[in-house]
Amino acid sequence: MARLTIDDLKRIKEKHKEEFSLREGGYRAKVTVHMGTCGIAAGAREIMTALMAELREAGAEGVIVATSGCAGLCSKEPLATVEMHGQPPVKYGELTEAKIKTIVKEHVIGGAPVEKLALVTGSETAY
């Protein structure tokens, strides 16, 4: 097998970045529920159930729902991150079913982050 060059790795990164990014004409929002063991112990499964029910009830389209492991903020679990096309990601912590319903209505559907519930805005990147 031939060795990969830096240029090969850059092409692979860009290809996957395009496939999984939010963009016009595609998915407009992504909600990630952090489900590491700390999140599950704090109630992340219930948050996921409430999130899915709220999205279904609202008839929301163009929304990706995903899970991830621990976000490193165990004391703030359960956590969810909302990413909207053209906006920085927003991480919400200490979630309840009522809070996730508000986040879906105001942020995911309405497009405006819920500042009073937001833990942090923005993200770190390795590229």
C-alpha atoms as a PDB file:
ATOM      1  CA  MET A   1       0.000   0.000   0.000  1.00  0.00           C
ATOM      2  CA  ALA A   2       1.320   3.418  -0.940  1.00  0.00           C
ATOM      3  CA  ARG A   3       2.106   5.888   1.815  1.00  0.00           C
ATOM      4  CA  LEU A   4      -0.230   8.804   2.261  1.00  0.00           C
ATOM      5  CA  THR A   5       1.176  12.255   1.724  1.00  0.00           C
ATOM      6  CA  ILE A   6       0.168  15.455   3.498  1.00  0.00           C
ATOM      7  CA  ASP A   7      -1.774  16.462   0.377  1.00  0.00           C
ATOM      8  CA  ASP A   8      -3.641  13.127   0.455  1.00  0.00           C
ATOM      9  CA  LEU A   9      -4.624  13.734   4.074  1.00  0.00           C
ATOM     10  CA  LYS A  10      -5.770  17.284   3.300  1.00  0.00           C
ATOM     11  CA  ARG A  11      -7.990  16.007   0.457  1.00  0.00           C
ATOM     12  CA  ILE A  12      -9.485  13.336   2.713  1.00  0.00           C
ATOM     13  CA  LYS A  13     -10.147  15.900   5.450  1.00  0.00           C
ATOM     14  CA  GLU A  14     -11.845  18.326   3.065  1.00  0.00           C
ATOM     15  CA  LYS A  15     -13.981  15.566   1.540  1.00  0.00           C
ATOM     16  CA  HIS A  16     -15.278  14.445   4.925  1.00  0.00           C
ATOM     17  CA  LYS A  17     -15.639  17.997   6.204  1.00  0.00           C
ATOM     18  CA  GLU A  18     -17.929  18.760   3.249  1.00  0.00           C
ATOM     19  CA  GLU A  19     -19.954  15.578   3.764  1.00  0.00           C
ATOM     20  CA  PHE A  20     -20.634  16.203   7.431  1.00  0.00           C
ATOM     21  CA  SER A  21     -20.935  19.984   7.572  1.00  0.00           C
ATOM     22  CA  LEU A  22     -24.115  21.983   7.782  1.00  0.00           C
ATOM     23  CA  ARG A  23     -24.741  23.934   4.612  1.00  0.00           C
ATOM     24  CA  GLU A  24     -27.332  25.733   2.545  1.00  0.00           C
ATOM     25  CA  GLY A  25     -29.646  23.310   0.809  1.00  0.00           C
ATOM     26  CA  GLY A  26     -28.781  20.514   3.239  1.00  0.00           C
ATOM     27  CA  TYR A  27     -29.194  20.043   6.942  1.00  0.00           C
ATOM     28  CA  ARG A  28     -29.656  23.367   8.682  1.00  0.00           C
ATOM     29  CA  ALA A  29     -29.177  22.187  12.264  1.00  0.00           C
ATOM     30  CA  LYS A  30     -27.447  19.485  14.267  1.00  0.00           C
ATOM     31  CA  VAL A  31     -28.217  18.623  17.883  1.00  0.00           C
ATOM     32  CA  THR A  32     -25.724  16.414  19.714  1.00  0.00           C
ATOM     33  CA  VAL A  33     -26.664  14.885  23.043  1.00  0.00           C
ATOM     34  CA  HIS A  34     -23.528  13.996  25.009  1.00  0.00           C
ATOM     35  CA  MET A  35     -23.973  10.440  26.242  1.00  0.00           C
ATOM     36  CA  GLY A  36     -20.803   9.439  28.010  1.00  0.00           C
ATOM     37  CA  THR A  37     -21.311   7.448  31.197  1.00  0.00           C
ATOM     38  CA  CYS A  38     -21.516  10.694  33.164  1.00  0.00           C
ATOM     39  CA  GLY A  39     -24.199  12.032  30.818  1.00  0.00           C
ATOM     40  CA  ILE A  40     -26.244   8.855  30.916  1.00  0.00           C
ATOM     41  CA  ALA A  41     -26.044   8.785  34.714  1.00  0.00           C
ATOM     42  CA  ALA A  42     -27.249  12.413  34.798  1.00  0.00           C
ATOM     43  CA  GLY A  43     -30.247  11.754  32.528  1.00  0.00           C
ATOM     44  CA  ALA A  44     -29.035  12.084  28.915  1.00  0.00           C
ATOM     45  CA  ARG A  45     -31.324   9.268  27.749  1.00  0.00           C
ATOM     46  CA  GLU A  46     -34.361  11.142  29.010  1.00  0.00           C
ATOM     47  CA  ILE A  47     -33.091  14.299  27.290  1.00  0.00           C
ATOM     48  CA  MET A  48     -32.683  12.385  24.004  1.00  0.00           C
ATOM     49  CA  THR A  49     -36.217  11.001  24.312  1.00  0.00           C
ATOM     50  CA  ALA A  50     -37.646  14.478  25.013  1.00  0.00           C
ATOM     51  CA  LEU A  51     -35.604  15.974  22.141  1.00  0.00           C
ATOM     52  CA  MET A  52     -36.841  13.411  19.630  1.00  0.00           C
ATOM     53  CA  ALA A  53     -40.457  13.823  20.787  1.00  0.00           C
ATOM     54  CA  GLU A  54     -40.269  17.619  20.536  1.00  0.00           C
ATOM     55  CA  LEU A  55     -38.725  17.525  17.047  1.00  0.00           C
ATOM     56  CA  ARG A  56     -41.358  15.027  15.890  1.00  0.00           C
ATOM     57  CA  GLU A  57     -44.201  17.070  17.403  1.00  0.00           C
ATOM     58  CA  ALA A  58     -42.902  20.262  15.784  1.00  0.00           C
ATOM     59  CA  GLY A  59     -42.464  18.556  12.410  1.00  0.00           C
ATOM     60  CA  ALA A  60     -38.884  19.840  12.292  1.00  0.00           C
ATOM     61  CA  GLU A  61     -37.078  19.067   9.048  1.00  0.00           C
ATOM     62  CA  GLY A  62     -33.410  19.389   8.146  1.00  0.00           C
ATOM     63  CA  VAL A  63     -32.217  18.562  11.668  1.00  0.00           C
ATOM     64  CA  ILE A  64     -29.532  15.976  12.390  1.00  0.00           C
ATOM     65  CA  VAL A  65     -29.668  14.352  15.829  1.00  0.00           C
ATOM     66  CA  ALA A  66     -26.449  12.728  17.018  1.00  0.00           C
ATOM     67  CA  THR A  67     -24.803  11.401  20.145  1.00  0.00           C
ATOM     68  CA  SER A  68     -21.269  11.720  21.404  1.00  0.00           C
ATOM     69  CA  GLY A  69     -19.255  10.717  24.414  1.00  0.00           C
ATOM     70  CA  CYS A  70     -18.317  12.885  27.332  1.00  0.00           C
ATOM     71  CA  ALA A  71     -17.773  16.559  26.537  1.00  0.00           C
ATOM     72  CA  GLY A  72     -15.464  16.942  29.542  1.00  0.00           C
ATOM     73  CA  LEU A  73     -17.926  18.919  31.633  1.00  0.00           C
ATOM     74  CA  CYS A  74     -19.246  16.112  33.816  1.00  0.00           C
ATOM     75  CA  SER A  75     -20.549  18.428  36.522  1.00  0.00           C
ATOM     76  CA  LYS A  76     -22.790  20.156  33.952  1.00  0.00           C
ATOM     77  CA  GLU A  77     -24.380  16.970  32.527  1.00  0.00           C
ATOM     78  CA  PRO A  78     -26.675  16.276  30.843  1.00  0.00           C
ATOM     79  CA  LEU A  79     -25.322  18.350  27.956  1.00  0.00           C
ATOM     80  CA  ALA A  80     -26.372  19.003  24.373  1.00  0.00           C
ATOM     81  CA  THR A  81     -24.712  21.016  21.627  1.00  0.00           C
ATOM     82  CA  VAL A  82     -26.758  22.827  18.986  1.00  0.00           C
ATOM     83  CA  GLU A  83     -25.090  23.740  15.691  1.00  0.00           C
ATOM     84  CA  MET A  84     -26.942  25.924  13.201  1.00  0.00           C
ATOM     85  CA  HIS A  85     -25.741  26.723   9.708  1.00  0.00           C
ATOM     86  CA  GLY A  86     -23.724  29.939   9.784  1.00  0.00           C
ATOM     87  CA  GLN A  87     -23.691  30.241  13.598  1.00  0.00           C
ATOM     88  CA  PRO A  88     -21.185  29.133  16.235  1.00  0.00           C
ATOM     89  CA  PRO A  89     -22.174  26.000  18.174  1.00  0.00           C
ATOM     90  CA  VAL A  90     -23.903  26.483  21.517  1.00  0.00           C
ATOM     91  CA  LYS A  91     -23.485  24.031  24.387  1.00  0.00           C
ATOM     92  CA  TYR A  92     -26.323  23.743  26.880  1.00  0.00           C
ATOM     93  CA  GLY A  93     -25.833  22.140  30.290  1.00  0.00           C
ATOM     94  CA  GLU A  94     -27.768  20.870  33.283  1.00  0.00           C
ATOM     95  CA  LEU A  95     -30.621  20.014  30.940  1.00  0.00           C
ATOM     96  CA  THR A  96     -34.125  19.005  31.892  1.00  0.00           C
ATOM     97  CA  GLU A  97     -36.982  17.945  29.644  1.00  0.00           C
ATOM     98  CA  ALA A  98     -38.481  21.435  29.952  1.00  0.00           C
ATOM     99  CA  LYS A  99     -35.173  23.082  29.000  1.00  0.00           C
ATOM    100  CA  ILE A 100     -34.667  20.892  25.910  1.00  0.00           C
ATOM    101  CA  LYS A 101     -38.210  21.720  24.752  1.00  0.00           C
ATOM    102  CA  THR A 102     -37.414  25.437  25.061  1.00  0.00           C
ATOM    103  CA  ILE A 103     -34.121  24.958  23.192  1.00  0.00           C
ATOM    104  CA  VAL A 104     -35.865  23.114  20.359  1.00  0.00           C
ATOM    105  CA  LYS A 105     -38.566  25.771  20.012  1.00  0.00           C
ATOM    106  CA  GLU A 106     -36.365  28.843  20.306  1.00  0.00           C
ATOM    107  CA  HIS A 107     -32.984  27.740  18.938  1.00  0.00           C
ATOM    108  CA  VAL A 108     -33.417  24.729  16.655  1.00  0.00           C
ATOM    109  CA  ILE A 109     -36.698  25.888  15.090  1.00  0.00           C
ATOM    110  CA  GLY A 110     -36.586  29.627  15.828  1.00  0.00           C
ATOM    111  CA  GLY A 111     -32.883  30.100  15.080  1.00  0.00           C
ATOM    112  CA  ALA A 112     -32.056  32.177  18.170  1.00  0.00           C
ATOM    113  CA  PRO A 113     -29.806  30.723  20.878  1.00  0.00           C
ATOM    114  CA  VAL A 114     -31.370  30.604  24.336  1.00  0.00           C
ATOM    115  CA  GLU A 115     -28.807  32.744  26.160  1.00  0.00           C
ATOM    116  CA  LYS A 116     -30.213  32.176  29.639  1.00  0.00           C
ATOM    117  CA  LEU A 117     -29.684  28.406  29.226  1.00  0.00           C
ATOM    118  CA  ALA A 118     -26.399  28.473  27.261  1.00  0.00           C
ATOM    119  CA  LEU A 119     -23.281  27.193  28.954  1.00  0.00           C
ATOM    120  CA  VAL A 120     -20.830  28.281  26.238  1.00  0.00           C
ATOM    121  CA  THR A 121     -20.839  29.489  22.632  1.00  0.00           C
ATOM    122  CA  GLY A 122     -18.175  28.642  20.055  1.00  0.00           C
ATOM    123  CA  SER A 123     -15.878  25.678  19.687  1.00  0.00           C
ATOM    124  CA  GLU A 124     -12.298  24.534  19.563  1.00  0.00           C
ATOM    125  CA  THR A 125     -10.918  23.061  16.389  1.00  0.00           C
ATOM    126  CA  ALA A 126      -7.838  21.095  15.486  1.00  0.00           C
ATOM    127  CA  TYR A 127      -7.775  22.272  11.865  1.00  0.00           C
END
